[in-house]
Every structure is written in C-alpha cells, then in structure tokens.
Amino acid sequence: MGRCLGDRFYPLKLKRREGNPLRLGTKHLLNFLYTLPKITAIILIIIFIYCNKKDKEPPYVEITSPKDSSLFSGGLKIEVVVIDSSKIKDVFLYLDYNLFSNDTSHPYEFNIKFDTPFIWHKIFAKAYDIYNNEGISKEINVFYLGKRKENVYHGDISFNPYSEYRINIFANVKDSIIGEILVKNNENFPLFLLLSKDNDTIIKLSDFNYGKIEEEIKEGGKYYLVFKNNSLRNKEVWMRFYLATD
C-alpha cells in the first residue's frame, strides 16, 4: 500500500520503455523516409520560385568613352558599360537619333567614322536584358574636327636646275594627302607629281606658281611626292603637306 502511494506521489519518476531497440530504430527510419519526399518537394518549390523570379529592374547603361562635349579627329571609338542582375541580351547605339549598330557581347564597343568635319553629333545607348527591361544612357555630344593630320613636310626647299626632290609616304585606303605649294618670285614650278606605290602611275600633274592638292588614296601602300625642276634656273619653293588619316 505504501509502495503504491509512494509511486503515485512521485510524478517525476519515468517508466522504463520496453521494446526491441532495433525495431524502434527501423520505425524512426521508416518515418524519416516517409517524410523525405515531402521535405524535398518543399525545397524544390522554394528553389523554383526563387530561380524563376522575374527581374523587373532596367539595366544601368553609361557611355564611358568619349566624355560629353569631346572634340576628336579621325575615327571615334564608343565604349558602353552595362550593369544588371540578369543577362544582357542586346546593346544598341544611336547616332543623331538614328540606330547606328548593336552589340551582343561584352565589352560593348562601337567604331564610327565621319565624313563631314566641324559638326556636333549626339550619341546615346540602349540595353535590354533577357526580360526585355530597357535601360537608356545619358546623351553625349561630340564634335568632329575632321581626319587626323600627320605632318609630312613643312618648309622651304631650294631646287637646283634639273634637280628632283622626293618625299616617301605610307598611306592606307581612304587616307588623304593634302598639301599646299608656293613658288617664290611668282615663277612657275614646272612639274609636280604624286606617284603611286609602284612609282609608275601619275595621279596628279601640275604646272603652277601656287596650288593646293587633296587626293584620297584608293589602295594602301607606299607613295611618293616628287618635285622636279626641269628649268635652267634655281627655284625657291615653300611647301606644306600632311597625311589625313582616320
């Protein structure tokens, strides 16, 4: 009687669990295997929702080169930086509000050649990510001065009777040879030649006491400016020539 009452008034006393330990472990394993597909399904649903969350933010687009209000000669290289959390699908460059070109791979670079000098041009870029979010850069303005000029010769030359002076020039296609020549004392200069790279084709032949020349190169290679004095008198000549390149 006392023992039963004693047991009754000891609530913290736990009863010993009976059973086969191996059987109990198997039961827990089966319960885990039963719930594993449910846990896996929940994890996959979370991953699917996260990975398929649509990006709604537009790309950040900036023209990093050249800077706004730049002056330049020759060809112009445009560099565009695009930043976005999603993959960029396409980058478009606009010149004077007309589509110039597009680029689909980093780095986003564009090369422009202009024909008419002393003109301002407006440039901006657009970028689209794979969700068709559109980002637009700030517009920049650039001023084209013309082709890049490389000095060939500038100064005076004294020609003895029946003498010749030759200047070698290496030029590429669409480069231009631009020059000015003045014969002192208003005397005519008997001969001016611009020869091809093979030294067998006369591109320009003139007889003058003052003149200018501007010739665009049709085929890249080595050319020659040739000046000949075929008279019995000395000739004093002032010349300025340069090569205009892109």
Foldseek 3Di string as FASTA:
>chain_A
DVVVVVVVPCVPDDDDDDDDPVVVVVVVVVVCVVCVVVVVVVVVVVVVCVVPDDDPDAKAKEWPPDAFAAEDAAKGKIWMDIDDPAAWQKKWKDKQNHTDDIDGDPRGMDIDGDDDAFDKMKMKMWTQGPNRRIDIYDIGIYHYHYFDKAWQDFFKDKAAAFDKDKGKDFDAAFKKKKKKKAWPPQDKQQWKFKADQVRPDTPDIDIGRIDIDIDGDHHGGMIMTMGTHNDNDMIMMTMTIIMGHD
